[in-house]
Amino acid sequence: MSDRAGAAYHERLRVPLRWWAQGTMFVATIWLAVVVAVPGPTPWIVTGVALGLLAVGLFSYGDARVVVDRDSFRAGRARIDLRHVGAATALDAAETNRVAGRDADVRAFLLLRPYVKRSVRVEITDRADPAPYWLVSSRHPQALADALAAARDAQQ
């Protein structure tokens, strides 16, 4: 969470370190299986490709950004003008599970990451938008909700 290029709130939902460790151990297992079965440089080529795929996959999945600036709210690839943003509510882990599961609306926009347990529910006031709310993972849900409220109030 930092102030970047005029953003009131900026967060990147990076994957946790343990995912990198588990991925590396998986690639090591692939290397071991291939090095025993195939002679020559093939195991190293397969391992290099597997490590490259792992890095691209984890970097791209963990590159989801949540940004509030003076006129918009961005969550991942989605963007909405602040004039269409309603109330923002910080949710704890249990509330996030309930809102993302049993009480979910199928029309809602979700940017959820399994390794981030808390979230913010953001009401959408644009009648033309089919999504009634956005549910966005955040490591700092109260700070995100406060930034949305402050940015929205500053616009009015």
C-alpha atoms as a PDB file:
ATOM      1  CA  MET A   1       0.000   0.000   0.000  1.00  0.00           C
ATOM      2  CA  SER A   2       1.600   3.249  -1.065  1.00  0.00           C
ATOM      3  CA  ASP A   3       0.933   6.576  -2.672  1.00  0.00           C
ATOM      4  CA  ARG A   4       1.950   6.208  -6.329  1.00  0.00           C
ATOM      5  CA  ALA A   5       1.573   8.828  -9.055  1.00  0.00           C
ATOM      6  CA  GLY A   6      -1.276  10.650  -7.357  1.00  0.00           C
ATOM      7  CA  ALA A   7      -3.104   7.510  -6.259  1.00  0.00           C
ATOM      8  CA  ALA A   8      -4.916   7.784  -2.939  1.00  0.00           C
ATOM      9  CA  TYR A   9      -4.551   4.009  -2.521  1.00  0.00           C
ATOM     10  CA  HIS A  10      -2.433   1.435  -4.339  1.00  0.00           C
ATOM     11  CA  GLU A  11      -2.123  -2.253  -3.542  1.00  0.00           C
ATOM     12  CA  ARG A  12      -0.717  -5.156  -5.515  1.00  0.00           C
ATOM     13  CA  LEU A  13      -2.142  -8.559  -4.655  1.00  0.00           C
ATOM     14  CA  ARG A  14       1.135 -10.485  -4.934  1.00  0.00           C
ATOM     15  CA  VAL A  15       1.181 -14.223  -4.380  1.00  0.00           C
ATOM     16  CA  PRO A  16       2.689 -15.298  -1.062  1.00  0.00           C
ATOM     17  CA  LEU A  17       6.267 -16.540  -0.788  1.00  0.00           C
ATOM     18  CA  ARG A  18       5.105 -20.063   0.038  1.00  0.00           C
ATOM     19  CA  TRP A  19       3.561 -20.351  -3.465  1.00  0.00           C
ATOM     20  CA  TRP A  20       6.993 -19.631  -4.938  1.00  0.00           C
ATOM     21  CA  ALA A  21       8.578 -22.226  -2.646  1.00  0.00           C
ATOM     22  CA  GLN A  22       5.965 -24.856  -3.491  1.00  0.00           C
ATOM     23  CA  GLY A  23       6.268 -24.119  -7.206  1.00  0.00           C
ATOM     24  CA  THR A  24      10.036 -24.427  -7.054  1.00  0.00           C
ATOM     25  CA  MET A  25       9.749 -27.774  -5.270  1.00  0.00           C
ATOM     26  CA  PHE A  26       7.305 -28.941  -7.947  1.00  0.00           C
ATOM     27  CA  VAL A  27       9.746 -27.947 -10.692  1.00  0.00           C
ATOM     28  CA  ALA A  28      12.533 -29.752  -8.804  1.00  0.00           C
ATOM     29  CA  THR A  29      10.336 -32.872  -8.772  1.00  0.00           C
ATOM     30  CA  ILE A  30       9.848 -32.563 -12.527  1.00  0.00           C
ATOM     31  CA  TRP A  31      13.606 -32.199 -12.971  1.00  0.00           C
ATOM     32  CA  LEU A  32      14.272 -35.310 -10.882  1.00  0.00           C
ATOM     33  CA  ALA A  33      11.751 -37.382 -12.842  1.00  0.00           C
ATOM     34  CA  VAL A  34      13.135 -36.237 -16.196  1.00  0.00           C
ATOM     35  CA  VAL A  35      16.835 -36.511 -15.263  1.00  0.00           C
ATOM     36  CA  VAL A  36      16.321 -40.158 -14.291  1.00  0.00           C
ATOM     37  CA  ALA A  37      14.376 -41.011 -17.457  1.00  0.00           C
ATOM     38  CA  VAL A  38      16.110 -38.976 -20.173  1.00  0.00           C
ATOM     39  CA  PRO A  39      19.854 -38.509 -20.683  1.00  0.00           C
ATOM     40  CA  GLY A  40      21.595 -35.409 -21.972  1.00  0.00           C
ATOM     41  CA  PRO A  41      20.533 -31.774 -21.807  1.00  0.00           C
ATOM     42  CA  THR A  42      16.791 -32.500 -22.055  1.00  0.00           C
ATOM     43  CA  PRO A  43      16.162 -32.409 -18.263  1.00  0.00           C
ATOM     44  CA  TRP A  44      17.720 -28.945 -18.064  1.00  0.00           C
ATOM     45  CA  ILE A  45      15.656 -27.659 -20.995  1.00  0.00           C
ATOM     46  CA  VAL A  46      12.449 -29.074 -19.498  1.00  0.00           C
ATOM     47  CA  THR A  47      13.349 -27.579 -16.109  1.00  0.00           C
ATOM     48  CA  GLY A  48      14.088 -24.174 -17.655  1.00  0.00           C
ATOM     49  CA  VAL A  49      10.748 -24.161 -19.478  1.00  0.00           C
ATOM     50  CA  ALA A  50       8.922 -25.264 -16.316  1.00  0.00           C
ATOM     51  CA  LEU A  51      10.612 -22.518 -14.254  1.00  0.00           C
ATOM     52  CA  GLY A  52       9.730 -19.948 -16.910  1.00  0.00           C
ATOM     53  CA  LEU A  53       6.082 -21.036 -16.938  1.00  0.00           C
ATOM     54  CA  LEU A  54       5.999 -20.960 -13.135  1.00  0.00           C
ATOM     55  CA  ALA A  55       7.422 -17.441 -13.025  1.00  0.00           C
ATOM     56  CA  VAL A  56       5.078 -16.108 -15.711  1.00  0.00           C
ATOM     57  CA  GLY A  57       2.070 -17.736 -14.069  1.00  0.00           C
ATOM     58  CA  LEU A  58       2.781 -16.501 -10.554  1.00  0.00           C
ATOM     59  CA  PHE A  59       3.800 -13.009 -11.681  1.00  0.00           C
ATOM     60  CA  SER A  60       0.697 -12.559 -13.827  1.00  0.00           C
ATOM     61  CA  TYR A  61      -1.691 -13.933 -11.186  1.00  0.00           C
ATOM     62  CA  GLY A  62      -0.065 -11.783  -8.506  1.00  0.00           C
ATOM     63  CA  ASP A  63      -0.052  -8.637 -10.636  1.00  0.00           C
ATOM     64  CA  ALA A  64      -3.662  -7.730  -9.841  1.00  0.00           C
ATOM     65  CA  ARG A  65      -3.669  -4.139  -8.634  1.00  0.00           C
ATOM     66  CA  VAL A  66      -6.224  -2.257  -6.591  1.00  0.00           C
ATOM     67  CA  VAL A  67      -5.955   1.501  -7.163  1.00  0.00           C
ATOM     68  CA  VAL A  68      -8.011   4.472  -6.056  1.00  0.00           C
ATOM     69  CA  ASP A  69      -7.039   7.747  -7.687  1.00  0.00           C
ATOM     70  CA  ARG A  70      -8.793  11.088  -7.879  1.00  0.00           C
ATOM     71  CA  ASP A  71     -11.354  10.054 -10.500  1.00  0.00           C
ATOM     72  CA  SER A  72     -11.479   6.246 -10.738  1.00  0.00           C
ATOM     73  CA  PHE A  73     -11.332   2.950  -8.913  1.00  0.00           C
ATOM     74  CA  ARG A  74      -9.434   0.094 -10.556  1.00  0.00           C
ATOM     75  CA  ALA A  75      -9.460  -3.534  -9.488  1.00  0.00           C
ATOM     76  CA  GLY A  76      -7.424  -5.761 -11.755  1.00  0.00           C
ATOM     77  CA  ARG A  77      -8.395  -4.941 -15.337  1.00  0.00           C
ATOM     78  CA  ALA A  78     -11.732  -3.398 -14.351  1.00  0.00           C
ATOM     79  CA  ARG A  79     -12.137   0.354 -13.944  1.00  0.00           C
ATOM     80  CA  ILE A  80     -15.050   2.513 -12.836  1.00  0.00           C
ATOM     81  CA  ASP A  81     -15.444   6.256 -12.378  1.00  0.00           C
ATOM     82  CA  LEU A  82     -15.784   7.314  -8.752  1.00  0.00           C
ATOM     83  CA  ARG A  83     -19.110   9.016  -9.523  1.00  0.00           C
ATOM     84  CA  HIS A  84     -20.561   5.486  -9.920  1.00  0.00           C
ATOM     85  CA  VAL A  85     -19.109   4.188  -6.648  1.00  0.00           C
ATOM     86  CA  GLY A  86     -21.404   3.942  -3.644  1.00  0.00           C
ATOM     87  CA  ALA A  87     -20.709   2.785  -0.123  1.00  0.00           C
ATOM     88  CA  ALA A  88     -17.555   0.760   0.499  1.00  0.00           C
ATOM     89  CA  THR A  89     -17.597  -1.730   3.361  1.00  0.00           C
ATOM     90  CA  ALA A  90     -14.518  -3.457   4.769  1.00  0.00           C
ATOM     91  CA  LEU A  91     -15.171  -7.163   5.376  1.00  0.00           C
ATOM     92  CA  ASP A  92     -13.310  -9.620   7.583  1.00  0.00           C
ATOM     93  CA  ALA A  93     -12.551 -13.202   6.530  1.00  0.00           C
ATOM     94  CA  ALA A  94     -15.890 -14.667   7.669  1.00  0.00           C
ATOM     95  CA  GLU A  95     -17.924 -11.908   6.008  1.00  0.00           C
ATOM     96  CA  THR A  96     -15.874 -12.273   2.815  1.00  0.00           C
ATOM     97  CA  ASN A  97     -16.618 -16.004   2.710  1.00  0.00           C
ATOM     98  CA  ARG A  98     -20.322 -15.334   3.238  1.00  0.00           C
ATOM     99  CA  VAL A  99     -20.584 -12.569   0.619  1.00  0.00           C
ATOM    100  CA  ALA A 100     -18.500 -14.527  -1.909  1.00  0.00           C
ATOM    101  CA  GLY A 101     -20.415 -17.743  -1.241  1.00  0.00           C
ATOM    102  CA  ARG A 102     -23.879 -18.164   0.227  1.00  0.00           C
ATOM    103  CA  ASP A 103     -24.983 -14.526  -0.117  1.00  0.00           C
ATOM    104  CA  ALA A 104     -23.281 -13.858  -3.461  1.00  0.00           C
ATOM    105  CA  ASP A 105     -25.002 -12.146  -6.357  1.00  0.00           C
ATOM    106  CA  VAL A 106     -24.063 -13.783  -9.662  1.00  0.00           C
ATOM    107  CA  ARG A 107     -23.951 -10.374 -11.340  1.00  0.00           C
ATOM    108  CA  ALA A 108     -21.274  -9.017  -8.985  1.00  0.00           C
ATOM    109  CA  PHE A 109     -17.722  -8.308 -10.141  1.00  0.00           C
ATOM    110  CA  LEU A 110     -15.221 -10.297  -8.095  1.00  0.00           C
ATOM    111  CA  LEU A 111     -11.485  -9.790  -7.749  1.00  0.00           C
ATOM    112  CA  LEU A 112     -10.718 -12.383  -5.112  1.00  0.00           C
ATOM    113  CA  ARG A 113      -7.441 -14.052  -4.283  1.00  0.00           C
ATOM    114  CA  PRO A 114      -7.474 -17.182  -2.077  1.00  0.00           C
ATOM    115  CA  TYR A 115      -4.403 -16.048  -0.144  1.00  0.00           C
ATOM    116  CA  VAL A 116      -6.001 -12.699   0.836  1.00  0.00           C
ATOM    117  CA  LYS A 117      -8.794 -13.502   3.278  1.00  0.00           C
ATOM    118  CA  ARG A 118     -10.317 -10.026   3.729  1.00  0.00           C
ATOM    119  CA  SER A 119     -12.061  -7.846   1.179  1.00  0.00           C
ATOM    120  CA  VAL A 120     -14.065  -4.704   0.476  1.00  0.00           C
ATOM    121  CA  ARG A 121     -17.597  -4.684  -0.891  1.00  0.00           C
ATOM    122  CA  VAL A 122     -18.124  -1.628  -3.104  1.00  0.00           C
ATOM    123  CA  GLU A 123     -21.671  -0.719  -4.125  1.00  0.00           C
ATOM    124  CA  ILE A 124     -22.075   0.353  -7.775  1.00  0.00           C
ATOM    125  CA  THR A 125     -24.628   3.129  -8.365  1.00  0.00           C
ATOM    126  CA  ASP A 126     -24.518   3.177 -12.174  1.00  0.00           C
ATOM    127  CA  ARG A 127     -27.898   1.914 -13.410  1.00  0.00           C
ATOM    128  CA  ALA A 128     -26.361   0.854 -16.726  1.00  0.00           C
ATOM    129  CA  ASP A 129     -23.808  -1.382 -14.986  1.00  0.00           C
ATOM    130  CA  PRO A 130     -25.099  -4.938 -14.553  1.00  0.00           C
ATOM    131  CA  ALA A 131     -22.914  -5.492 -11.460  1.00  0.00           C
ATOM    132  CA  PRO A 132     -24.637  -4.381  -8.242  1.00  0.00           C
ATOM    133  CA  TYR A 133     -21.336  -4.403  -6.348  1.00  0.00           C
ATOM    134  CA  TRP A 134     -17.645  -5.234  -6.594  1.00  0.00           C
ATOM    135  CA  LEU A 135     -16.047  -7.583  -4.105  1.00  0.00           C
ATOM    136  CA  VAL A 136     -12.300  -6.924  -4.048  1.00  0.00           C
ATOM    137  CA  SER A 137      -9.653  -8.712  -1.992  1.00  0.00           C
ATOM    138  CA  SER A 138      -7.434  -6.449   0.076  1.00  0.00           C
ATOM    139  CA  ARG A 139      -4.800  -6.893   2.741  1.00  0.00           C
ATOM    140  CA  HIS A 140      -5.872  -3.501   4.125  1.00  0.00           C
ATOM    141  CA  PRO A 141      -9.664  -3.423   3.642  1.00  0.00           C
ATOM    142  CA  GLN A 142     -10.368  -0.528   5.999  1.00  0.00           C
ATOM    143  CA  ALA A 143      -7.717   1.644   4.332  1.00  0.00           C
ATOM    144  CA  LEU A 144      -9.211   0.846   0.910  1.00  0.00           C
ATOM    145  CA  ALA A 145     -12.751   1.625   2.087  1.00  0.00           C
ATOM    146  CA  ASP A 146     -11.550   4.906   3.632  1.00  0.00           C
ATOM    147  CA  ALA A 147      -9.657   5.865   0.448  1.00  0.00           C
ATOM    148  CA  LEU A 148     -12.758   5.195  -1.664  1.00  0.00           C
ATOM    149  CA  ALA A 149     -14.932   7.269   0.643  1.00  0.00           C
ATOM    150  CA  ALA A 150     -12.435  10.138   0.720  1.00  0.00           C
ATOM    151  CA  ALA A 151     -11.922  10.141  -3.060  1.00  0.00           C
ATOM    152  CA  ARG A 152     -15.669   9.970  -3.695  1.00  0.00           C
ATOM    153  CA  ASP A 153     -16.344  12.824  -1.261  1.00  0.00           C
ATOM    154  CA  ALA A 154     -13.574  14.935  -2.792  1.00  0.00           C
ATOM    155  CA  GLN A 155     -15.215  14.576  -6.188  1.00  0.00           C
ATOM    156  CA  GLN A 156     -18.598  15.846  -5.002  1.00  0.00           C
END
